[in-house]
Amino acid sequence: MNESQGVRYIIFDLEATCWRGRPPKGITEVIEIGAVMVDRYGDAVDRFSKFVRPVVNPMLSGFCKHLTSIQQEEVDRARTFERVSEEFRNWGNMYDEEYVLLSWGIDDSHLLRNDCSLHKVDLDWTFRYVDLKKAYRNLKDLKHASGLKATVKREGFDFTGIHHRAISDAENLAKVFIKYLEDWDLYYPTQ
């Protein structure tokens, strides 16, 4: 990766509407964006945490509220994806080529792009992306990588915050990312 002066690593996690079975209308939407910005020196320099109001299936299932601890009132008061994704992009200054988005597993990247398409938000900025779960598997020469919580513990850290809350998951992933800052082999498409 090009290590220029202003590179920003945006370690993010998303929470989404969820059900025990298939989603109504076949659509899952983002309900929380959490992120930690890490500079090229390995310092966590800023955090982003916002709820998102779903519009296709606006009522959270009991399963979703239990899994994420996100309550209906929190998403009801939130802005829609169009607005929150714009705030996220502005927060991360994702208008130049000096950033890369990172998450644990490819699902968050797919969910982000799907919501951009659903809500007619430009998605070019989402392609500066690295799957840290895959990068971790390669770094450690593992056949399979475990879940985030198990990986955080395996690396000697306490898992802090609430699992399946976007900001907590992003903060915990940042610990692992920073630990191996100099060792990652990060590949992402350039535009």
C-alpha atoms as a PDB file:
ATOM      1  CA  MET A   1       0.000   0.000   0.000  1.00  0.00           C
ATOM      2  CA  ASN A   2       1.193   3.493  -0.754  1.00  0.00           C
ATOM      3  CA  GLU A   3       2.102   5.002   2.609  1.00  0.00           C
ATOM      4  CA  SER A   4       1.826   8.694   1.808  1.00  0.00           C
ATOM      5  CA  GLN A   5       1.679  11.370   4.484  1.00  0.00           C
ATOM      6  CA  GLY A   6      -2.094  11.558   4.773  1.00  0.00           C
ATOM      7  CA  VAL A   7      -3.254   7.941   4.482  1.00  0.00           C
ATOM      8  CA  ARG A   8      -6.293   7.171   6.629  1.00  0.00           C
ATOM      9  CA  TYR A   9      -7.420   3.675   7.533  1.00  0.00           C
ATOM     10  CA  ILE A  10     -11.180   3.675   8.062  1.00  0.00           C
ATOM     11  CA  ILE A  11     -11.964   0.555  10.077  1.00  0.00           C
ATOM     12  CA  PHE A  12     -15.727   0.188   9.964  1.00  0.00           C
ATOM     13  CA  ASP A  13     -18.513  -2.121  10.963  1.00  0.00           C
ATOM     14  CA  LEU A  14     -22.198  -2.109  10.071  1.00  0.00           C
ATOM     15  CA  GLU A  15     -25.261  -3.452  11.796  1.00  0.00           C
ATOM     16  CA  ALA A  16     -28.319  -4.196   9.717  1.00  0.00           C
ATOM     17  CA  THR A  17     -31.942  -5.157   9.951  1.00  0.00           C
ATOM     18  CA  CYS A  18     -32.159  -8.890  10.552  1.00  0.00           C
ATOM     19  CA  TRP A  19     -34.648 -11.677  11.088  1.00  0.00           C
ATOM     20  CA  ARG A  20     -34.468 -15.348  11.950  1.00  0.00           C
ATOM     21  CA  GLY A  21     -35.524 -16.176   8.387  1.00  0.00           C
ATOM     22  CA  ARG A  22     -35.611 -14.345   5.089  1.00  0.00           C
ATOM     23  CA  PRO A  23     -35.981 -10.567   5.306  1.00  0.00           C
ATOM     24  CA  PRO A  24     -39.400  -9.157   4.395  1.00  0.00           C
ATOM     25  CA  LYS A  25     -39.325  -7.859   0.820  1.00  0.00           C
ATOM     26  CA  GLY A  26     -35.931  -9.610   0.518  1.00  0.00           C
ATOM     27  CA  ILE A  27     -34.067  -6.500   1.675  1.00  0.00           C
ATOM     28  CA  THR A  28     -31.681  -5.912   4.567  1.00  0.00           C
ATOM     29  CA  GLU A  29     -30.717  -2.323   5.410  1.00  0.00           C
ATOM     30  CA  VAL A  30     -27.955  -0.694   7.445  1.00  0.00           C
ATOM     31  CA  ILE A  31     -29.115   0.502  10.874  1.00  0.00           C
ATOM     32  CA  GLU A  32     -25.755   1.510  12.378  1.00  0.00           C
ATOM     33  CA  ILE A  33     -22.378   2.655  11.061  1.00  0.00           C
ATOM     34  CA  GLY A  34     -19.419   2.565  13.427  1.00  0.00           C
ATOM     35  CA  ALA A  35     -15.852   3.388  12.444  1.00  0.00           C
ATOM     36  CA  VAL A  36     -12.419   4.163  13.802  1.00  0.00           C
ATOM     37  CA  MET A  37      -9.940   6.258  11.835  1.00  0.00           C
ATOM     38  CA  VAL A  38      -6.331   5.133  12.216  1.00  0.00           C
ATOM     39  CA  ASP A  39      -3.462   7.205  10.859  1.00  0.00           C
ATOM     40  CA  ARG A  40      -0.367   5.790   9.209  1.00  0.00           C
ATOM     41  CA  TYR A  41       1.436   5.766  12.573  1.00  0.00           C
ATOM     42  CA  GLY A  42      -1.131   3.432  14.116  1.00  0.00           C
ATOM     43  CA  ASP A  43      -2.926   6.009  16.210  1.00  0.00           C
ATOM     44  CA  ALA A  44      -6.717   5.882  16.469  1.00  0.00           C
ATOM     45  CA  VAL A  45      -7.424   9.535  15.760  1.00  0.00           C
ATOM     46  CA  ASP A  46     -11.222   9.688  15.501  1.00  0.00           C
ATOM     47  CA  ARG A  47     -14.451   7.704  15.831  1.00  0.00           C
ATOM     48  CA  PHE A  48     -17.764   7.736  13.971  1.00  0.00           C
ATOM     49  CA  SER A  49     -20.986   6.256  15.346  1.00  0.00           C
ATOM     50  CA  LYS A  50     -24.465   6.855  13.930  1.00  0.00           C
ATOM     51  CA  PHE A  51     -27.731   5.008  13.753  1.00  0.00           C
ATOM     52  CA  VAL A  52     -29.548   4.793  10.419  1.00  0.00           C
ATOM     53  CA  ARG A  53     -33.321   4.757   9.930  1.00  0.00           C
ATOM     54  CA  PRO A  54     -34.383   1.859   7.680  1.00  0.00           C
ATOM     55  CA  VAL A  55     -37.122   2.705   5.184  1.00  0.00           C
ATOM     56  CA  VAL A  56     -38.016  -0.550   3.401  1.00  0.00           C
ATOM     57  CA  ASN A  57     -38.657  -2.506   6.614  1.00  0.00           C
ATOM     58  CA  PRO A  58     -38.747   0.264   9.240  1.00  0.00           C
ATOM     59  CA  MET A  59     -39.732  -1.960  12.185  1.00  0.00           C
ATOM     60  CA  LEU A  60     -36.864  -3.855  13.827  1.00  0.00           C
ATOM     61  CA  SER A  61     -37.563  -7.510  14.554  1.00  0.00           C
ATOM     62  CA  GLY A  62     -37.327  -8.818  18.099  1.00  0.00           C
ATOM     63  CA  PHE A  63     -34.403 -10.959  16.920  1.00  0.00           C
ATOM     64  CA  CYS A  64     -32.578  -7.862  15.625  1.00  0.00           C
ATOM     65  CA  LYS A  65     -33.147  -5.856  18.813  1.00  0.00           C
ATOM     66  CA  HIS A  66     -31.896  -8.769  20.914  1.00  0.00           C
ATOM     67  CA  LEU A  67     -28.835  -9.459  18.724  1.00  0.00           C
ATOM     68  CA  THR A  68     -27.679  -5.850  18.347  1.00  0.00           C
ATOM     69  CA  SER A  69     -29.178  -4.199  21.454  1.00  0.00           C
ATOM     70  CA  ILE A  70     -30.361  -1.433  19.092  1.00  0.00           C
ATOM     71  CA  GLN A  71     -33.855  -0.268  19.990  1.00  0.00           C
ATOM     72  CA  GLN A  72     -36.652   0.917  17.722  1.00  0.00           C
ATOM     73  CA  GLU A  73     -36.597   4.446  19.172  1.00  0.00           C
ATOM     74  CA  GLU A  74     -32.907   4.808  18.268  1.00  0.00           C
ATOM     75  CA  VAL A  75     -33.441   4.089  14.580  1.00  0.00           C
ATOM     76  CA  ASP A  76     -36.732   6.023  14.505  1.00  0.00           C
ATOM     77  CA  ARG A  77     -34.840   9.176  15.571  1.00  0.00           C
ATOM     78  CA  ALA A  78     -31.992   8.562  13.104  1.00  0.00           C
ATOM     79  CA  ARG A  79     -31.486   9.980   9.629  1.00  0.00           C
ATOM     80  CA  THR A  80     -31.838   7.847   6.517  1.00  0.00           C
ATOM     81  CA  PHE A  81     -28.936   6.087   4.813  1.00  0.00           C
ATOM     82  CA  GLU A  82     -28.502   8.852   2.236  1.00  0.00           C
ATOM     83  CA  ARG A  83     -27.782  11.409   4.970  1.00  0.00           C
ATOM     84  CA  VAL A  84     -25.761   9.192   7.319  1.00  0.00           C
ATOM     85  CA  SER A  85     -23.593   7.789   4.513  1.00  0.00           C
ATOM     86  CA  GLU A  86     -22.849  11.383   3.445  1.00  0.00           C
ATOM     87  CA  GLU A  87     -21.884  12.250   7.036  1.00  0.00           C
ATOM     88  CA  PHE A  88     -19.685   9.131   7.143  1.00  0.00           C
ATOM     89  CA  ARG A  89     -17.987  10.024   3.882  1.00  0.00           C
ATOM     90  CA  ASN A  90     -17.419  13.616   5.051  1.00  0.00           C
ATOM     91  CA  TRP A  91     -16.088  12.423   8.417  1.00  0.00           C
ATOM     92  CA  GLY A  92     -13.567  10.153   6.705  1.00  0.00           C
ATOM     93  CA  ASN A  93     -12.755  12.740   4.034  1.00  0.00           C
ATOM     94  CA  MET A  94     -13.350  10.038   1.453  1.00  0.00           C
ATOM     95  CA  TYR A  95     -12.970  12.377  -1.509  1.00  0.00           C
ATOM     96  CA  ASP A  96      -9.301  11.752  -2.231  1.00  0.00           C
ATOM     97  CA  GLU A  97      -7.177   8.640  -2.634  1.00  0.00           C
ATOM     98  CA  GLU A  98      -5.632   8.804   0.829  1.00  0.00           C
ATOM     99  CA  TYR A  99      -7.961   6.387   2.601  1.00  0.00           C
ATOM    100  CA  VAL A 100      -8.897   2.739   2.616  1.00  0.00           C
ATOM    101  CA  LEU A 101     -12.010   1.141   4.110  1.00  0.00           C
ATOM    102  CA  LEU A 102     -11.421  -2.024   6.153  1.00  0.00           C
ATOM    103  CA  SER A 103     -13.864  -4.431   7.785  1.00  0.00           C
ATOM    104  CA  TRP A 104     -13.924  -7.944   9.227  1.00  0.00           C
ATOM    105  CA  GLY A 105     -15.291 -10.059   6.393  1.00  0.00           C
ATOM    106  CA  ILE A 106     -16.726  -9.089   3.038  1.00  0.00           C
ATOM    107  CA  ASP A 107     -20.354  -8.855   4.264  1.00  0.00           C
ATOM    108  CA  ASP A 108     -20.062  -5.258   5.465  1.00  0.00           C
ATOM    109  CA  SER A 109     -18.664  -4.176   2.104  1.00  0.00           C
ATOM    110  CA  HIS A 110     -21.549  -5.868   0.277  1.00  0.00           C
ATOM    111  CA  LEU A 111     -24.100  -4.367   2.657  1.00  0.00           C
ATOM    112  CA  LEU A 112     -22.628  -0.883   2.223  1.00  0.00           C
ATOM    113  CA  ARG A 113     -22.717  -1.152  -1.566  1.00  0.00           C
ATOM    114  CA  ASN A 114     -26.218  -2.640  -1.573  1.00  0.00           C
ATOM    115  CA  ASP A 115     -27.536   0.238   0.531  1.00  0.00           C
ATOM    116  CA  CYS A 116     -25.793   2.742  -1.747  1.00  0.00           C
ATOM    117  CA  SER A 117     -27.562   1.150  -4.720  1.00  0.00           C
ATOM    118  CA  LEU A 118     -30.907   0.896  -2.921  1.00  0.00           C
ATOM    119  CA  HIS A 119     -30.829   4.545  -1.860  1.00  0.00           C
ATOM    120  CA  LYS A 120     -29.250   5.845  -5.084  1.00  0.00           C
ATOM    121  CA  VAL A 121     -26.035   6.979  -3.396  1.00  0.00           C
ATOM    122  CA  ASP A 122     -22.813   7.094  -5.443  1.00  0.00           C
ATOM    123  CA  LEU A 123     -20.768   4.039  -4.508  1.00  0.00           C
ATOM    124  CA  ASP A 124     -17.411   4.741  -6.159  1.00  0.00           C
ATOM    125  CA  TRP A 125     -15.929   5.629  -2.763  1.00  0.00           C
ATOM    126  CA  THR A 126     -16.708   2.115  -1.422  1.00  0.00           C
ATOM    127  CA  PHE A 127     -14.210   0.352  -3.706  1.00  0.00           C
ATOM    128  CA  ARG A 128     -11.099   1.406  -1.791  1.00  0.00           C
ATOM    129  CA  TYR A 129     -11.756  -1.601   0.437  1.00  0.00           C
ATOM    130  CA  VAL A 130      -9.874  -4.437   2.146  1.00  0.00           C
ATOM    131  CA  ASP A 131     -11.349  -7.498   3.851  1.00  0.00           C
ATOM    132  CA  LEU A 132      -9.277  -7.701   7.045  1.00  0.00           C
ATOM    133  CA  LYS A 133     -10.562 -11.182   7.837  1.00  0.00           C
ATOM    134  CA  LYS A 134      -8.989 -12.459   4.617  1.00  0.00           C
ATOM    135  CA  ALA A 135      -5.838 -10.383   5.221  1.00  0.00           C
ATOM    136  CA  TYR A 136      -5.605 -11.793   8.764  1.00  0.00           C
ATOM    137  CA  ARG A 137      -5.989 -15.350   7.451  1.00  0.00           C
ATOM    138  CA  ASN A 138      -3.115 -14.696   5.020  1.00  0.00           C
ATOM    139  CA  LEU A 139      -0.991 -12.972   7.655  1.00  0.00           C
ATOM    140  CA  LYS A 140      -1.355 -15.858  10.098  1.00  0.00           C
ATOM    141  CA  ASP A 141      -1.361 -18.565   7.396  1.00  0.00           C
ATOM    142  CA  LEU A 142      -4.708 -19.911   8.607  1.00  0.00           C
ATOM    143  CA  LYS A 143      -7.087 -22.073   6.645  1.00  0.00           C
ATOM    144  CA  HIS A 144     -10.056 -20.295   8.285  1.00  0.00           C
ATOM    145  CA  ALA A 145     -10.262 -17.186  10.420  1.00  0.00           C
ATOM    146  CA  SER A 146     -12.526 -17.195  13.456  1.00  0.00           C
ATOM    147  CA  GLY A 147     -15.093 -14.561  14.279  1.00  0.00           C
ATOM    148  CA  LEU A 148     -14.048 -11.090  15.370  1.00  0.00           C
ATOM    149  CA  LYS A 149     -14.627 -11.604  19.089  1.00  0.00           C
ATOM    150  CA  ALA A 150     -12.571 -14.829  19.171  1.00  0.00           C
ATOM    151  CA  THR A 151      -9.814 -13.201  17.095  1.00  0.00           C
ATOM    152  CA  VAL A 152      -9.614 -10.189  19.423  1.00  0.00           C
ATOM    153  CA  LYS A 153      -9.219 -12.546  22.401  1.00  0.00           C
ATOM    154  CA  ARG A 154      -6.719 -14.734  20.507  1.00  0.00           C
ATOM    155  CA  GLU A 155      -4.586 -11.625  19.976  1.00  0.00           C
ATOM    156  CA  GLY A 156      -4.492 -10.953  23.719  1.00  0.00           C
ATOM    157  CA  PHE A 157      -7.052  -8.167  23.945  1.00  0.00           C
ATOM    158  CA  ASP A 158     -10.216  -7.928  26.005  1.00  0.00           C
ATOM    159  CA  PHE A 159     -13.279  -7.501  23.815  1.00  0.00           C
ATOM    160  CA  THR A 160     -14.708  -4.201  25.016  1.00  0.00           C
ATOM    161  CA  GLY A 161     -18.137  -2.735  24.454  1.00  0.00           C
ATOM    162  CA  ILE A 162     -21.125  -4.634  23.100  1.00  0.00           C
ATOM    163  CA  HIS A 163     -20.621  -7.347  20.490  1.00  0.00           C
ATOM    164  CA  HIS A 164     -22.792  -6.739  17.395  1.00  0.00           C
ATOM    165  CA  ARG A 165     -22.761  -2.997  17.910  1.00  0.00           C
ATOM    166  CA  ALA A 166     -20.988  -1.299  15.033  1.00  0.00           C
ATOM    167  CA  ILE A 167     -18.818   1.107  17.034  1.00  0.00           C
ATOM    168  CA  SER A 168     -17.725  -1.593  19.504  1.00  0.00           C
ATOM    169  CA  ASP A 169     -16.876  -4.057  16.747  1.00  0.00           C
ATOM    170  CA  ALA A 170     -14.929  -1.355  14.860  1.00  0.00           C
ATOM    171  CA  GLU A 171     -13.000  -0.360  18.003  1.00  0.00           C
ATOM    172  CA  ASN A 172     -12.088  -3.979  18.738  1.00  0.00           C
ATOM    173  CA  LEU A 173     -11.033  -4.631  15.146  1.00  0.00           C
ATOM    174  CA  ALA A 174      -8.863  -1.512  15.299  1.00  0.00           C
ATOM    175  CA  LYS A 175      -6.878  -3.109  18.151  1.00  0.00           C
ATOM    176  CA  VAL A 176      -5.960  -6.068  15.935  1.00  0.00           C
ATOM    177  CA  PHE A 177      -5.282  -3.846  12.926  1.00  0.00           C
ATOM    178  CA  ILE A 178      -2.958  -1.554  14.889  1.00  0.00           C
ATOM    179  CA  LYS A 179      -1.102  -4.516  16.433  1.00  0.00           C
ATOM    180  CA  TYR A 180      -0.052  -5.675  12.953  1.00  0.00           C
ATOM    181  CA  LEU A 181       0.087  -2.266  11.255  1.00  0.00           C
ATOM    182  CA  GLU A 182       3.490  -2.901   9.687  1.00  0.00           C
ATOM    183  CA  ASP A 183       2.702  -6.487   8.685  1.00  0.00           C
ATOM    184  CA  TRP A 184      -0.541  -6.280   6.707  1.00  0.00           C
ATOM    185  CA  ASP A 185      -0.473  -7.100   3.027  1.00  0.00           C
ATOM    186  CA  LEU A 186      -3.325  -4.831   1.948  1.00  0.00           C
ATOM    187  CA  TYR A 187      -4.549  -4.940  -1.611  1.00  0.00           C
ATOM    188  CA  TYR A 188      -7.446  -2.885  -2.863  1.00  0.00           C
ATOM    189  CA  PRO A 189      -8.547  -1.704  -6.285  1.00  0.00           C
ATOM    190  CA  THR A 190      -7.550   1.805  -7.253  1.00  0.00           C
ATOM    191  CA  GLN A 191      -9.702   4.045  -9.361  1.00  0.00           C
END
